[in-house]
Amino acid sequence: GLEKQKGDYRLDDPVVALKGGESGKAAIKPGDPLGSKLVRLILLPSDDDDVMPPKGKEPITDAEVLTIIRWIQKGAPFPAAATSASTH
């Protein structure tokens, strides 16, 4: 979110979510979960330095991972409110 982020990456802003953070690499490739850096990061072992969420934070569940993968498969649509907020 706006207040706290790691590597200048945010999922609440569609423009930033699709572009990626400091690396500038595409974090989300709509329709391509395995080509999406976000998916690769959430699938890393929990002891990896790059795993998302970072160490010390509660890991996401298998169901949440599946939801993210399905969302990306569907084209990674953002709610209308998030899309309109990023254009202002």
Protein backbone atom coordinates (compact mmCIF):
# COMPACT_ATOMS: atom_id res chain seq x y z
CA GLY A 1 0.00 0.00 0.00
CA LEU A 2 0.86 3.65 0.05
CA GLU A 3 2.19 3.63 3.64
CA LYS A 4 4.42 0.55 3.56
CA GLN A 5 5.96 -1.33 0.68
CA LYS A 6 9.01 -3.42 -0.12
CA GLY A 7 11.14 -2.57 -3.12
CA ASP A 8 8.73 0.18 -4.23
CA TYR A 9 6.20 -2.49 -5.17
CA ARG A 10 2.49 -2.09 -4.55
CA LEU A 11 -0.52 -4.22 -5.43
CA ASP A 12 -3.10 -1.54 -4.67
CA ASP A 13 -2.10 0.53 -7.74
CA PRO A 14 -2.65 -1.24 -11.08
CA VAL A 15 0.07 0.73 -12.88
CA VAL A 16 2.71 -0.13 -10.27
CA ALA A 17 1.44 -3.71 -9.85
CA LEU A 18 1.83 -4.44 -13.55
CA LYS A 19 5.13 -2.59 -13.95
CA GLY A 20 6.90 -3.92 -10.88
CA GLY A 21 8.96 -2.24 -8.19
CA GLU A 22 12.61 -1.26 -8.11
CA SER A 23 13.55 -3.98 -10.61
CA GLY A 24 11.20 -2.59 -13.26
CA LYS A 25 10.52 -6.18 -14.35
CA ALA A 26 6.91 -7.05 -15.08
CA ALA A 27 5.51 -8.27 -11.78
CA ILE A 28 2.24 -9.40 -13.32
CA LYS A 29 1.86 -10.57 -16.90
CA PRO A 30 -1.90 -10.76 -17.42
CA GLY A 31 -2.79 -14.22 -18.69
CA ASP A 32 0.67 -15.64 -17.86
CA PRO A 33 1.04 -16.63 -14.20
CA LEU A 34 4.35 -18.45 -14.71
CA GLY A 35 5.77 -15.43 -16.53
CA SER A 36 4.72 -13.17 -13.66
CA LYS A 37 7.44 -12.30 -11.17
CA LEU A 38 4.85 -12.03 -8.39
CA VAL A 39 3.94 -15.71 -8.78
CA ARG A 40 7.58 -16.76 -8.81
CA LEU A 41 8.18 -14.79 -5.59
CA ILE A 42 5.20 -16.23 -3.70
CA LEU A 43 6.24 -19.76 -4.70
CA LEU A 44 9.79 -19.44 -3.34
CA PRO A 45 10.75 -21.45 -0.25
CA SER A 46 9.97 -19.59 2.98
CA ASP A 47 13.68 -19.23 3.81
CA ASP A 48 14.54 -17.51 0.52
CA ASP A 49 15.52 -13.81 0.88
CA ASP A 50 13.18 -12.80 -1.97
CA VAL A 51 10.07 -14.70 -0.87
CA MET A 52 6.81 -12.74 -0.68
CA PRO A 53 5.55 -11.93 1.79
CA PRO A 54 8.90 -11.29 3.46
CA LYS A 55 10.21 -13.21 6.47
CA GLY A 56 8.46 -12.28 9.67
CA LYS A 57 5.13 -11.79 7.90
CA GLU A 58 2.43 -14.44 7.83
CA PRO A 59 2.82 -16.51 4.65
CA ILE A 60 -0.05 -16.66 2.22
CA THR A 61 -2.06 -19.86 2.11
CA ASP A 62 -2.17 -22.35 -0.74
CA ALA A 63 -5.72 -21.18 -1.46
CA GLU A 64 -4.49 -17.57 -1.71
CA VAL A 65 -1.69 -18.62 -4.08
CA LEU A 66 -4.25 -20.40 -6.25
CA THR A 67 -6.50 -17.32 -6.21
CA ILE A 68 -3.61 -15.12 -7.40
CA ILE A 69 -2.70 -17.58 -10.16
CA ARG A 70 -6.33 -17.78 -11.36
CA TRP A 71 -6.65 -13.98 -11.22
CA ILE A 72 -3.59 -13.60 -13.46
CA GLN A 73 -4.88 -16.33 -15.79
CA LYS A 74 -8.08 -14.28 -16.18
CA GLY A 75 -6.07 -11.24 -17.23
CA ALA A 76 -5.42 -9.73 -13.78
CA PRO A 77 -8.47 -7.44 -13.76
CA PHE A 78 -8.43 -4.74 -11.10
CA PRO A 79 -11.61 -3.35 -9.52
CA ALA A 80 -12.86 -0.21 -11.24
CA ALA A 81 -12.13 1.89 -8.12
CA ALA A 82 -8.44 0.92 -8.16
CA THR A 83 -8.14 1.60 -11.88
CA SER A 84 -9.78 5.03 -11.68
CA ALA A 85 -7.77 6.00 -8.57
CA SER A 86 -4.47 5.39 -10.38
CA THR A 87 -5.42 7.75 -13.21
CA HIS A 88 -5.83 10.78 -10.91
